[in-house]
Amino acid sequence: MKEEEPKLLRVSRAAHELGLHPFTVRKWVKAGKIQAIRVGNEARIPRSEIERLVGKIDGRLLVLYGRVSGHGQKDDLDIQLQRLHVWAANERRGQELLVLSDIGSGLSASRKQLRRLLTLVCEDKVREVAITYEDRLTRFGQEYLETLFASFGVTLTVLEPGEEKTPEQELTDDLLAVIASFSGRLYGMRSHKQKELLKCAQAVINNP
């Protein structure tokens, strides 16, 4: 059984994990840069403080990314970004943030802010990417992005992972996404024809 990591660390252990000299850690505790808890005559550093400081010390960014398909969904985009901000304030306190958002199809590879995100990842400037739902980055090829992120030590955090889908459900969602994207280009994302086409496609899929 794996030994559980201590929630309160001695200064020497905290210094080792942060890559700092113990004297520096004590100095930061005294200056209030690191929160510490007194245990007898010793200062102990909470594990949460180590995790917070690691994000600052390595100088990389926490990127909050949001996306909606059309301009009529700007309210939804605002809700996504607000949720990400609240999560970051509670779970990643003190980390440097960069907020990126796009309005465009999850199938589009030309989204400006997604391209900017990938460039930053390849420049080793990103520590973590947070999104609300799995399909915010892309409708297809999520595994390729995860592989790219992992190769640069980037963590991908999804606030709402959703329920595990069967292969049939995943295929249905992918097919509807393709139809929605191409019909949107042909008729417009909010047109009556596009909505009717999606409705018919859904009916055919549900009643083969």
N, C-alpha and C. Protein backbone atom coordinates (compact mmCIF):
# COMPACT_ATOMS: atom_id res chain seq x y z
N MET A 1 0.85 -1.19 0.00
CA MET A 1 0.00 0.00 0.00
C MET A 1 0.89 1.25 0.00
N LYS A 2 0.53 2.21 -0.86
CA LYS A 2 1.33 3.43 -0.95
C LYS A 2 1.15 4.27 0.30
N GLU A 3 2.28 4.75 0.86
CA GLU A 3 2.23 5.55 2.07
C GLU A 3 1.64 6.92 1.76
N GLU A 4 0.69 7.35 2.57
CA GLU A 4 0.03 8.64 2.37
C GLU A 4 1.00 9.78 2.68
N GLU A 5 1.02 10.78 1.80
CA GLU A 5 1.92 11.91 2.01
C GLU A 5 1.42 12.75 3.18
N PRO A 6 2.35 13.26 4.01
CA PRO A 6 1.94 14.08 5.15
C PRO A 6 1.30 15.38 4.70
N LYS A 7 0.30 15.84 5.46
CA LYS A 7 -0.38 17.09 5.13
C LYS A 7 0.39 18.29 5.65
N LEU A 8 1.22 18.08 6.67
CA LEU A 8 2.07 19.14 7.22
C LEU A 8 3.52 18.71 7.10
N LEU A 9 4.34 19.55 6.47
CA LEU A 9 5.73 19.19 6.21
C LEU A 9 6.68 20.01 7.09
N ARG A 10 7.75 19.36 7.52
CA ARG A 10 8.82 20.09 8.19
C ARG A 10 9.47 21.03 7.18
N VAL A 11 10.14 22.05 7.69
CA VAL A 11 10.77 23.05 6.82
C VAL A 11 11.77 22.40 5.88
N SER A 12 12.55 21.45 6.37
CA SER A 12 13.56 20.80 5.52
C SER A 12 12.91 20.04 4.37
N ARG A 13 11.81 19.35 4.65
CA ARG A 13 11.10 18.60 3.61
C ARG A 13 10.47 19.55 2.61
N ALA A 14 9.85 20.62 3.10
CA ALA A 14 9.24 21.62 2.22
C ALA A 14 10.29 22.26 1.31
N ALA A 15 11.45 22.58 1.90
CA ALA A 15 12.53 23.19 1.12
C ALA A 15 12.99 22.26 0.01
N HIS A 16 13.10 20.97 0.33
CA HIS A 16 13.53 19.99 -0.66
C HIS A 16 12.54 19.92 -1.83
N GLU A 17 11.24 19.89 -1.52
CA GLU A 17 10.23 19.78 -2.57
C GLU A 17 10.14 21.05 -3.41
N LEU A 18 10.46 22.19 -2.80
CA LEU A 18 10.40 23.46 -3.52
C LEU A 18 11.71 23.79 -4.23
N GLY A 19 12.76 23.03 -3.93
CA GLY A 19 14.05 23.31 -4.53
C GLY A 19 14.70 24.56 -3.96
N LEU A 20 14.41 24.84 -2.68
CA LEU A 20 14.93 26.02 -2.01
C LEU A 20 15.79 25.61 -0.81
N HIS A 21 16.57 26.57 -0.31
CA HIS A 21 17.33 26.33 0.92
C HIS A 21 16.38 26.49 2.10
N PRO A 22 16.53 25.67 3.15
CA PRO A 22 15.66 25.80 4.33
C PRO A 22 15.65 27.22 4.91
N PHE A 23 16.79 27.90 4.84
CA PHE A 23 16.85 29.28 5.33
C PHE A 23 15.87 30.17 4.57
N THR A 24 15.78 29.95 3.24
CA THR A 24 14.87 30.74 2.41
C THR A 24 13.42 30.48 2.79
N VAL A 25 13.10 29.21 3.05
CA VAL A 25 11.73 28.86 3.45
C VAL A 25 11.38 29.53 4.77
N ARG A 26 12.30 29.47 5.74
CA ARG A 26 12.04 30.12 7.04
C ARG A 26 11.86 31.63 6.87
N LYS A 27 12.66 32.21 5.99
CA LYS A 27 12.57 33.65 5.73
C LYS A 27 11.22 33.99 5.12
N TRP A 28 10.74 33.16 4.19
CA TRP A 28 9.45 33.39 3.55
C TRP A 28 8.31 33.21 4.54
N VAL A 29 8.45 32.25 5.45
CA VAL A 29 7.43 32.06 6.49
C VAL A 29 7.34 33.31 7.35
N LYS A 30 8.49 33.83 7.75
CA LYS A 30 8.53 35.02 8.61
C LYS A 30 7.95 36.23 7.89
N ALA A 31 8.17 36.31 6.57
CA ALA A 31 7.68 37.45 5.79
C ALA A 31 6.22 37.28 5.38
N GLY A 32 5.64 36.11 5.65
CA GLY A 32 4.25 35.88 5.31
C GLY A 32 4.03 35.40 3.89
N LYS A 33 5.11 35.08 3.18
CA LYS A 33 4.97 34.58 1.81
C LYS A 33 4.51 33.13 1.78
N ILE A 34 4.79 32.41 2.86
CA ILE A 34 4.35 31.03 3.00
C ILE A 34 3.55 30.92 4.29
N GLN A 35 2.37 30.35 4.20
CA GLN A 35 1.58 30.13 5.40
C GLN A 35 2.11 28.90 6.13
N ALA A 36 2.28 29.02 7.43
CA ALA A 36 2.80 27.91 8.23
C ALA A 36 1.95 27.74 9.48
N ILE A 37 2.01 26.55 10.03
CA ILE A 37 1.28 26.22 11.26
C ILE A 37 2.30 25.83 12.32
N ARG A 38 2.16 26.42 13.50
CA ARG A 38 3.08 26.11 14.59
C ARG A 38 2.70 24.79 15.24
N VAL A 39 3.66 23.89 15.32
CA VAL A 39 3.49 22.62 16.03
C VAL A 39 4.59 22.58 17.08
N GLY A 40 4.23 22.92 18.31
CA GLY A 40 5.25 23.07 19.34
C GLY A 40 6.12 24.27 19.01
N ASN A 41 7.42 24.04 18.93
CA ASN A 41 8.36 25.12 18.59
C ASN A 41 8.71 25.16 17.11
N GLU A 42 8.11 24.27 16.32
CA GLU A 42 8.45 24.17 14.90
C GLU A 42 7.35 24.74 14.02
N ALA A 43 7.77 25.23 12.86
CA ALA A 43 6.82 25.66 11.83
C ALA A 43 6.63 24.50 10.86
N ARG A 44 5.40 24.18 10.57
CA ARG A 44 5.09 23.12 9.59
C ARG A 44 4.36 23.76 8.41
N ILE A 45 4.70 23.29 7.21
CA ILE A 45 4.14 23.86 5.99
C ILE A 45 3.04 22.94 5.45
N PRO A 46 1.82 23.45 5.28
CA PRO A 46 0.75 22.63 4.71
C PRO A 46 1.07 22.19 3.29
N ARG A 47 0.67 20.99 2.95
CA ARG A 47 0.87 20.47 1.60
C ARG A 47 0.26 21.41 0.56
N SER A 48 -0.88 22.02 0.88
CA SER A 48 -1.55 22.92 -0.06
C SER A 48 -0.67 24.12 -0.41
N GLU A 49 0.16 24.57 0.54
CA GLU A 49 1.07 25.68 0.28
C GLU A 49 2.17 25.27 -0.70
N ILE A 50 2.64 24.04 -0.56
CA ILE A 50 3.66 23.54 -1.49
C ILE A 50 3.10 23.53 -2.91
N GLU A 51 1.88 23.01 -3.05
CA GLU A 51 1.26 22.93 -4.38
C GLU A 51 1.03 24.32 -4.96
N ARG A 52 0.65 25.28 -4.10
CA ARG A 52 0.44 26.65 -4.58
C ARG A 52 1.75 27.27 -5.05
N LEU A 53 2.80 27.08 -4.27
CA LEU A 53 4.08 27.72 -4.58
C LEU A 53 4.77 27.10 -5.78
N VAL A 54 4.56 25.82 -6.00
CA VAL A 54 5.18 25.17 -7.16
C VAL A 54 4.75 25.88 -8.44
N GLY A 55 3.48 26.26 -8.50
CA GLY A 55 2.99 26.98 -9.67
C GLY A 55 3.66 28.31 -9.87
N LYS A 56 4.03 28.99 -8.76
CA LYS A 56 4.70 30.28 -8.86
C LYS A 56 6.18 30.13 -9.20
N ILE A 57 6.81 29.14 -8.56
CA ILE A 57 8.26 29.02 -8.69
C ILE A 57 8.67 28.61 -10.10
N ASP A 58 7.92 27.71 -10.72
CA ASP A 58 8.36 27.29 -12.05
C ASP A 58 7.97 28.29 -13.13
N GLY A 59 7.21 29.34 -12.75
CA GLY A 59 6.95 30.44 -13.66
C GLY A 59 5.99 30.15 -14.79
N ARG A 60 5.33 28.99 -14.76
CA ARG A 60 4.42 28.66 -15.86
C ARG A 60 2.99 29.04 -15.51
N LEU A 61 2.16 29.10 -16.53
CA LEU A 61 0.82 29.65 -16.40
C LEU A 61 -0.24 28.59 -16.15
N LEU A 62 -1.29 29.01 -15.48
CA LEU A 62 -2.54 28.25 -15.44
C LEU A 62 -3.46 28.91 -16.45
N VAL A 63 -3.83 28.18 -17.49
CA VAL A 63 -4.67 28.73 -18.55
C VAL A 63 -6.11 28.28 -18.36
N LEU A 64 -7.02 29.24 -18.31
CA LEU A 64 -8.46 28.96 -18.25
C LEU A 64 -9.00 29.16 -19.66
N TYR A 65 -9.57 28.09 -20.24
CA TYR A 65 -10.02 28.17 -21.63
C TYR A 65 -11.52 27.89 -21.73
N GLY A 66 -12.21 28.77 -22.44
CA GLY A 66 -13.63 28.59 -22.69
C GLY A 66 -13.94 28.69 -24.17
N ARG A 67 -15.03 28.04 -24.58
CA ARG A 67 -15.42 28.09 -25.99
C ARG A 67 -16.93 27.87 -26.11
N VAL A 68 -17.53 28.61 -27.05
CA VAL A 68 -18.90 28.35 -27.48
C VAL A 68 -18.90 28.34 -29.00
N SER A 69 -19.96 27.78 -29.58
CA SER A 69 -20.00 27.60 -31.03
C SER A 69 -20.39 28.86 -31.79
N GLY A 70 -21.27 29.68 -31.20
CA GLY A 70 -21.75 30.85 -31.93
C GLY A 70 -21.87 32.08 -31.06
N HIS A 71 -22.03 33.24 -31.72
CA HIS A 71 -22.11 34.51 -30.99
C HIS A 71 -23.37 34.61 -30.13
N GLY A 72 -24.39 33.82 -30.45
CA GLY A 72 -25.59 33.82 -29.65
C GLY A 72 -25.43 33.12 -28.31
N GLN A 73 -24.26 32.54 -28.07
CA GLN A 73 -24.01 31.80 -26.83
C GLN A 73 -23.02 32.52 -25.91
N LYS A 74 -22.90 33.83 -26.08
CA LYS A 74 -21.93 34.59 -25.28
C LYS A 74 -22.23 34.50 -23.79
N ASP A 75 -23.52 34.43 -23.43
CA ASP A 75 -23.86 34.29 -22.01
C ASP A 75 -23.30 32.99 -21.44
N ASP A 76 -23.38 31.92 -22.24
CA ASP A 76 -22.83 30.64 -21.80
C ASP A 76 -21.32 30.72 -21.65
N LEU A 77 -20.67 31.46 -22.55
CA LEU A 77 -19.22 31.63 -22.45
C LEU A 77 -18.85 32.36 -21.16
N ASP A 78 -19.63 33.39 -20.83
CA ASP A 78 -19.38 34.13 -19.59
C ASP A 78 -19.52 33.21 -18.37
N ILE A 79 -20.52 32.32 -18.41
CA ILE A 79 -20.73 31.39 -17.31
C ILE A 79 -19.56 30.43 -17.18
N GLN A 80 -19.07 29.92 -18.33
CA GLN A 80 -17.91 29.04 -18.31
C GLN A 80 -16.71 29.71 -17.64
N LEU A 81 -16.41 30.93 -18.08
CA LEU A 81 -15.23 31.62 -17.57
C LEU A 81 -15.39 31.98 -16.09
N GLN A 82 -16.62 32.32 -15.70
CA GLN A 82 -16.85 32.62 -14.29
C GLN A 82 -16.61 31.39 -13.42
N ARG A 83 -17.09 30.24 -13.87
CA ARG A 83 -16.89 29.00 -13.12
C ARG A 83 -15.40 28.67 -13.02
N LEU A 84 -14.67 28.89 -14.10
CA LEU A 84 -13.24 28.62 -14.09
C LEU A 84 -12.51 29.55 -13.12
N HIS A 85 -12.92 30.81 -13.08
CA HIS A 85 -12.30 31.77 -12.16
C HIS A 85 -12.55 31.36 -10.71
N VAL A 86 -13.78 30.96 -10.41
CA VAL A 86 -14.12 30.55 -9.04
C VAL A 86 -13.30 29.32 -8.64
N TRP A 87 -13.22 28.36 -9.56
CA TRP A 87 -12.43 27.15 -9.29
C TRP A 87 -10.97 27.50 -9.04
N ALA A 88 -10.40 28.36 -9.88
CA ALA A 88 -8.99 28.73 -9.73
C ALA A 88 -8.74 29.45 -8.41
N ALA A 89 -9.68 30.31 -8.01
CA ALA A 89 -9.52 31.05 -6.76
C ALA A 89 -9.55 30.11 -5.56
N ASN A 90 -10.33 29.03 -5.66
CA ASN A 90 -10.45 28.09 -4.54
C ASN A 90 -9.37 27.01 -4.55
N GLU A 91 -9.03 26.52 -5.75
CA GLU A 91 -8.16 25.35 -5.85
C GLU A 91 -6.73 25.66 -6.29
N ARG A 92 -6.51 26.80 -6.93
CA ARG A 92 -5.18 27.13 -7.45
C ARG A 92 -4.78 28.54 -7.03
N ARG A 93 -5.05 28.85 -5.79
CA ARG A 93 -4.80 30.19 -5.27
C ARG A 93 -3.34 30.60 -5.45
N GLY A 94 -3.14 31.79 -6.00
CA GLY A 94 -1.80 32.33 -6.13
C GLY A 94 -1.12 32.05 -7.45
N GLN A 95 -1.67 31.17 -8.28
CA GLN A 95 -1.03 30.87 -9.55
C GLN A 95 -1.35 31.96 -10.58
N GLU A 96 -0.40 32.22 -11.44
CA GLU A 96 -0.59 33.24 -12.48
C GLU A 96 -1.53 32.70 -13.55
N LEU A 97 -2.57 33.49 -13.86
CA LEU A 97 -3.62 33.04 -14.77
C LEU A 97 -3.51 33.69 -16.13
N LEU A 98 -3.95 32.95 -17.14
CA LEU A 98 -4.17 33.50 -18.47
C LEU A 98 -5.52 32.97 -18.93
N VAL A 99 -6.42 33.87 -19.31
CA VAL A 99 -7.76 33.48 -19.73
C VAL A 99 -7.85 33.59 -21.25
N LEU A 100 -8.22 32.49 -21.89
CA LEU A 100 -8.37 32.45 -23.35
C LEU A 100 -9.76 31.94 -23.69
N SER A 101 -10.35 32.47 -24.75
CA SER A 101 -11.68 31.99 -25.15
C SER A 101 -11.85 32.17 -26.66
N ASP A 102 -12.65 31.28 -27.22
CA ASP A 102 -12.96 31.32 -28.65
C ASP A 102 -14.45 31.21 -28.86
N ILE A 103 -14.91 31.78 -29.97
CA ILE A 103 -16.27 31.55 -30.45
C ILE A 103 -16.12 30.86 -31.80
N GLY A 104 -16.44 29.58 -31.83
CA GLY A 104 -16.26 28.81 -33.06
C GLY A 104 -16.50 27.34 -32.81
N SER A 105 -16.61 26.60 -33.88
CA SER A 105 -16.88 25.17 -33.80
C SER A 105 -15.74 24.42 -33.14
N GLY A 106 -16.10 23.38 -32.39
CA GLY A 106 -15.10 22.52 -31.79
C GLY A 106 -14.35 21.69 -32.82
N LEU A 107 -14.82 21.71 -34.07
CA LEU A 107 -14.14 21.00 -35.15
C LEU A 107 -13.15 21.90 -35.88
N SER A 108 -13.21 23.20 -35.61
CA SER A 108 -12.36 24.15 -36.32
C SER A 108 -10.94 24.16 -35.75
N ALA A 109 -9.97 24.05 -36.64
CA ALA A 109 -8.56 24.10 -36.23
C ALA A 109 -7.99 25.51 -36.36
N SER A 110 -8.82 26.47 -36.76
CA SER A 110 -8.33 27.83 -37.00
C SER A 110 -8.69 28.79 -35.87
N ARG A 111 -9.15 28.26 -34.73
CA ARG A 111 -9.50 29.14 -33.62
C ARG A 111 -8.24 29.84 -33.09
N LYS A 112 -8.30 31.15 -33.05
CA LYS A 112 -7.12 31.97 -32.74
C LYS A 112 -6.56 31.68 -31.36
N GLN A 113 -7.43 31.63 -30.34
CA GLN A 113 -6.94 31.45 -28.98
C GLN A 113 -6.50 30.01 -28.70
N LEU A 114 -7.11 29.05 -29.38
CA LEU A 114 -6.63 27.67 -29.26
C LEU A 114 -5.22 27.56 -29.83
N ARG A 115 -5.00 28.19 -30.97
CA ARG A 115 -3.65 28.20 -31.56
C ARG A 115 -2.65 28.87 -30.62
N ARG A 116 -3.08 29.95 -29.99
CA ARG A 116 -2.20 30.64 -29.04
C ARG A 116 -1.86 29.73 -27.87
N LEU A 117 -2.86 29.00 -27.37
CA LEU A 117 -2.64 28.07 -26.27
C LEU A 117 -1.62 27.00 -26.65
N LEU A 118 -1.77 26.41 -27.83
CA LEU A 118 -0.86 25.35 -28.26
C LEU A 118 0.56 25.89 -28.43
N THR A 119 0.68 27.12 -28.92
CA THR A 119 2.00 27.74 -29.05
C THR A 119 2.66 27.91 -27.68
N LEU A 120 1.88 28.37 -26.70
CA LEU A 120 2.41 28.55 -25.35
C LEU A 120 2.83 27.22 -24.73
N VAL A 121 2.04 26.18 -24.99
CA VAL A 121 2.39 24.85 -24.48
C VAL A 121 3.72 24.40 -25.06
N CYS A 122 3.88 24.57 -26.37
CA CYS A 122 5.12 24.14 -27.04
C CYS A 122 6.32 24.99 -26.62
N GLU A 123 6.06 26.19 -26.11
CA GLU A 123 7.13 27.05 -25.60
C GLU A 123 7.40 26.79 -24.12
N ASP A 124 6.73 25.77 -23.56
CA ASP A 124 6.90 25.37 -22.16
C ASP A 124 6.54 26.50 -21.20
N LYS A 125 5.47 27.23 -21.52
CA LYS A 125 5.04 28.34 -20.68
C LYS A 125 3.74 28.04 -19.93
N VAL A 126 3.23 26.82 -20.08
CA VAL A 126 1.95 26.46 -19.46
C VAL A 126 2.15 25.31 -18.49
N ARG A 127 1.57 25.45 -17.31
CA ARG A 127 1.64 24.40 -16.30
C ARG A 127 0.37 23.54 -16.29
N GLU A 128 -0.78 24.21 -16.48
CA GLU A 128 -2.06 23.51 -16.40
C GLU A 128 -3.08 24.22 -17.27
N VAL A 129 -3.97 23.44 -17.90
CA VAL A 129 -5.08 23.98 -18.68
C VAL A 129 -6.37 23.50 -18.03
N ALA A 130 -7.28 24.43 -17.76
CA ALA A 130 -8.56 24.07 -17.14
C ALA A 130 -9.71 24.44 -18.07
N ILE A 131 -10.64 23.51 -18.23
CA ILE A 131 -11.84 23.71 -19.05
C ILE A 131 -13.05 23.22 -18.26
N THR A 132 -14.23 23.66 -18.66
CA THR A 132 -15.43 23.22 -17.94
C THR A 132 -15.89 21.84 -18.39
N TYR A 133 -15.90 21.60 -19.72
CA TYR A 133 -16.35 20.33 -20.26
C TYR A 133 -15.33 19.78 -21.24
N GLU A 134 -15.36 18.47 -21.46
CA GLU A 134 -14.34 17.80 -22.25
C GLU A 134 -14.26 18.31 -23.69
N ASP A 135 -15.39 18.74 -24.26
CA ASP A 135 -15.39 19.12 -25.68
C ASP A 135 -15.08 20.59 -25.91
N ARG A 136 -14.66 21.33 -24.87
CA ARG A 136 -14.38 22.75 -25.06
C ARG A 136 -13.13 22.97 -25.91
N LEU A 137 -12.13 22.13 -25.76
CA LEU A 137 -10.92 22.27 -26.57
C LEU A 137 -11.15 21.79 -27.99
N THR A 138 -11.75 20.62 -28.13
CA THR A 138 -11.97 20.05 -29.46
C THR A 138 -13.04 18.98 -29.40
N ARG A 139 -13.75 18.81 -30.51
CA ARG A 139 -14.75 17.75 -30.59
C ARG A 139 -14.12 16.41 -30.93
N PHE A 140 -12.99 16.46 -31.65
CA PHE A 140 -12.28 15.24 -32.03
C PHE A 140 -10.81 15.39 -31.68
N GLY A 141 -10.15 14.25 -31.48
CA GLY A 141 -8.70 14.27 -31.28
C GLY A 141 -8.25 14.75 -29.91
N GLN A 142 -9.12 14.66 -28.91
CA GLN A 142 -8.73 15.07 -27.55
C GLN A 142 -7.50 14.31 -27.07
N GLU A 143 -7.41 13.04 -27.48
CA GLU A 143 -6.28 12.21 -27.04
C GLU A 143 -4.95 12.77 -27.55
N TYR A 144 -4.96 13.34 -28.76
CA TYR A 144 -3.73 13.91 -29.30
C TYR A 144 -3.29 15.13 -28.49
N LEU A 145 -4.27 15.96 -28.11
CA LEU A 145 -3.94 17.12 -27.28
C LEU A 145 -3.40 16.69 -25.92
N GLU A 146 -4.02 15.67 -25.34
CA GLU A 146 -3.56 15.19 -24.04
C GLU A 146 -2.14 14.65 -24.12
N THR A 147 -1.82 13.98 -25.24
CA THR A 147 -0.45 13.48 -25.43
C THR A 147 0.53 14.64 -25.56
N LEU A 148 0.14 15.67 -26.32
CA LEU A 148 0.99 16.85 -26.46
C LEU A 148 1.21 17.52 -25.11
N PHE A 149 0.13 17.71 -24.36
CA PHE A 149 0.23 18.35 -23.06
C PHE A 149 1.16 17.55 -22.14
N ALA A 150 0.97 16.25 -22.12
CA ALA A 150 1.78 15.40 -21.23
C ALA A 150 3.26 15.49 -21.57
N SER A 151 3.58 15.61 -22.85
CA SER A 151 4.99 15.67 -23.26
C SER A 151 5.67 16.95 -22.77
N PHE A 152 4.87 17.98 -22.46
CA PHE A 152 5.42 19.23 -21.93
C PHE A 152 5.10 19.40 -20.44
N GLY A 153 4.63 18.33 -19.80
CA GLY A 153 4.34 18.39 -18.38
C GLY A 153 3.14 19.25 -18.03
N VAL A 154 2.18 19.34 -18.95
CA VAL A 154 0.98 20.16 -18.74
C VAL A 154 -0.17 19.28 -18.26
N THR A 155 -0.82 19.70 -17.20
CA THR A 155 -1.99 18.99 -16.67
C THR A 155 -3.25 19.55 -17.30
N LEU A 156 -4.14 18.67 -17.76
CA LEU A 156 -5.45 19.08 -18.28
C LEU A 156 -6.50 18.76 -17.23
N THR A 157 -7.19 19.79 -16.75
CA THR A 157 -8.22 19.62 -15.72
C THR A 157 -9.58 19.95 -16.31
N VAL A 158 -10.51 19.00 -16.19
CA VAL A 158 -11.89 19.18 -16.66
C VAL A 158 -12.79 19.27 -15.44
N LEU A 159 -13.47 20.39 -15.27
CA LEU A 159 -14.28 20.58 -14.07
C LEU A 159 -15.49 19.64 -14.04
N GLU A 160 -16.07 19.38 -15.21
CA GLU A 160 -17.24 18.49 -15.29
C GLU A 160 -16.93 17.37 -16.27
N PRO A 161 -16.25 16.31 -15.82
CA PRO A 161 -15.86 15.23 -16.74
C PRO A 161 -17.05 14.54 -17.40
N GLY A 162 -18.20 14.53 -16.73
CA GLY A 162 -19.37 13.87 -17.30
C GLY A 162 -19.36 12.37 -17.06
N GLU A 163 -20.46 11.74 -17.39
CA GLU A 163 -20.58 10.30 -17.20
C GLU A 163 -19.83 9.54 -18.29
N GLU A 164 -19.39 8.35 -17.94
CA GLU A 164 -18.72 7.48 -18.91
C GLU A 164 -19.71 7.09 -19.99
N LYS A 165 -19.32 7.28 -21.27
CA LYS A 165 -20.21 6.98 -22.38
C LYS A 165 -19.87 5.64 -23.02
N THR A 166 -20.89 5.00 -23.56
CA THR A 166 -20.66 3.77 -24.31
C THR A 166 -20.08 4.15 -25.68
N PRO A 167 -19.44 3.21 -26.38
CA PRO A 167 -18.94 3.51 -27.73
C PRO A 167 -20.05 4.00 -28.66
N GLU A 168 -21.26 3.46 -28.50
CA GLU A 168 -22.37 3.89 -29.35
C GLU A 168 -22.75 5.34 -29.07
N GLN A 169 -22.75 5.73 -27.79
CA GLN A 169 -23.07 7.11 -27.43
C GLN A 169 -22.01 8.07 -27.95
N GLU A 170 -20.74 7.67 -27.84
CA GLU A 170 -19.67 8.52 -28.34
C GLU A 170 -19.78 8.70 -29.85
N LEU A 171 -20.09 7.61 -30.56
CA LEU A 171 -20.22 7.68 -32.01
C LEU A 171 -21.39 8.58 -32.40
N THR A 172 -22.50 8.47 -31.66
CA THR A 172 -23.66 9.31 -31.92
C THR A 172 -23.33 10.78 -31.73
N ASP A 173 -22.67 11.10 -30.62
CA ASP A 173 -22.29 12.49 -30.35
C ASP A 173 -21.35 13.02 -31.43
N ASP A 174 -20.39 12.20 -31.84
CA ASP A 174 -19.44 12.63 -32.87
C ASP A 174 -20.14 12.89 -34.20
N LEU A 175 -21.07 11.99 -34.56
CA LEU A 175 -21.79 12.14 -35.83
C LEU A 175 -22.63 13.42 -35.82
N LEU A 176 -23.33 13.66 -34.72
CA LEU A 176 -24.15 14.87 -34.62
C LEU A 176 -23.28 16.13 -34.63
N ALA A 177 -22.09 16.04 -34.05
CA ALA A 177 -21.19 17.19 -34.06
C ALA A 177 -20.74 17.53 -35.48
N VAL A 178 -20.45 16.49 -36.27
CA VAL A 178 -20.05 16.71 -37.66
C VAL A 178 -21.19 17.33 -38.45
N ILE A 179 -22.40 16.79 -38.28
CA ILE A 179 -23.57 17.32 -38.99
C ILE A 179 -23.82 18.77 -38.58
N ALA A 180 -23.71 19.05 -37.28
CA ALA A 180 -23.95 20.42 -36.79
C ALA A 180 -22.93 21.39 -37.37
N SER A 181 -21.67 20.96 -37.44
CA SER A 181 -20.63 21.85 -37.95
C SER A 181 -20.82 22.17 -39.43
N PHE A 182 -21.04 21.14 -40.24
CA PHE A 182 -21.14 21.37 -41.68
C PHE A 182 -22.47 22.02 -42.06
N SER A 183 -23.55 21.67 -41.37
CA SER A 183 -24.83 22.33 -41.66
C SER A 183 -24.79 23.78 -41.21
N GLY A 184 -24.03 24.05 -40.14
CA GLY A 184 -23.88 25.43 -39.69
C GLY A 184 -23.16 26.28 -40.71
N ARG A 185 -22.14 25.70 -41.35
CA ARG A 185 -21.43 26.43 -42.40
C ARG A 185 -22.33 26.67 -43.61
N LEU A 186 -23.19 25.70 -43.89
CA LEU A 186 -24.04 25.79 -45.07
C LEU A 186 -25.22 26.73 -44.87
N TYR A 187 -25.88 26.61 -43.70
CA TYR A 187 -27.11 27.36 -43.47
C TYR A 187 -26.98 28.46 -42.42
N GLY A 188 -25.90 28.42 -41.63
CA GLY A 188 -25.79 29.34 -40.50
C GLY A 188 -26.08 28.60 -39.21
N MET A 189 -25.31 28.88 -38.16
CA MET A 189 -25.38 28.10 -36.92
C MET A 189 -26.74 28.20 -36.24
N ARG A 190 -27.49 29.27 -36.45
CA ARG A 190 -28.77 29.45 -35.76
C ARG A 190 -29.96 29.43 -36.72
N SER A 191 -29.75 28.95 -37.94
CA SER A 191 -30.82 28.99 -38.93
C SER A 191 -31.86 27.90 -38.67
N HIS A 192 -33.06 28.13 -39.20
CA HIS A 192 -34.15 27.15 -39.06
C HIS A 192 -33.80 25.86 -39.78
N LYS A 193 -33.18 25.97 -40.97
CA LYS A 193 -32.82 24.78 -41.74
C LYS A 193 -31.83 23.91 -40.98
N GLN A 194 -30.87 24.55 -40.33
CA GLN A 194 -29.89 23.76 -39.58
C GLN A 194 -30.55 23.01 -38.43
N LYS A 195 -31.45 23.69 -37.73
CA LYS A 195 -32.14 23.05 -36.61
C LYS A 195 -32.99 21.88 -37.08
N GLU A 196 -33.66 22.04 -38.23
CA GLU A 196 -34.48 20.97 -38.77
C GLU A 196 -33.62 19.78 -39.19
N LEU A 197 -32.46 20.06 -39.79
CA LEU A 197 -31.57 18.99 -40.21
C LEU A 197 -31.06 18.20 -39.01
N LEU A 198 -30.68 18.90 -37.95
CA LEU A 198 -30.21 18.23 -36.74
C LEU A 198 -31.33 17.40 -36.11
N LYS A 199 -32.54 17.94 -36.13
CA LYS A 199 -33.68 17.22 -35.57
C LYS A 199 -33.93 15.93 -36.34
N CYS A 200 -33.86 16.00 -37.67
CA CYS A 200 -34.05 14.81 -38.51
C CYS A 200 -32.94 13.79 -38.28
N ALA A 201 -31.70 14.28 -38.19
CA ALA A 201 -30.57 13.38 -37.96
C ALA A 201 -30.71 12.67 -36.63
N GLN A 202 -31.12 13.40 -35.60
CA GLN A 202 -31.31 12.81 -34.28
C GLN A 202 -32.39 11.73 -34.31
N ALA A 203 -33.47 12.00 -35.07
CA ALA A 203 -34.57 11.03 -35.17
C ALA A 203 -34.11 9.76 -35.87
N VAL A 204 -33.32 9.91 -36.93
CA VAL A 204 -32.83 8.74 -37.67
C VAL A 204 -31.90 7.91 -36.80
N ILE A 205 -31.02 8.58 -36.05
CA ILE A 205 -30.07 7.87 -35.19
C ILE A 205 -30.78 7.13 -34.07
N ASN A 206 -31.79 7.76 -33.50
CA ASN A 206 -32.52 7.15 -32.38
C ASN A 206 -33.47 6.04 -32.82
N ASN A 207 -33.88 6.09 -34.10
CA ASN A 207 -34.81 5.08 -34.62
C ASN A 207 -34.29 4.52 -35.94
N PRO A 208 -33.21 3.74 -35.88
CA PRO A 208 -32.59 3.23 -37.11
C PRO A 208 -33.52 2.25 -37.84
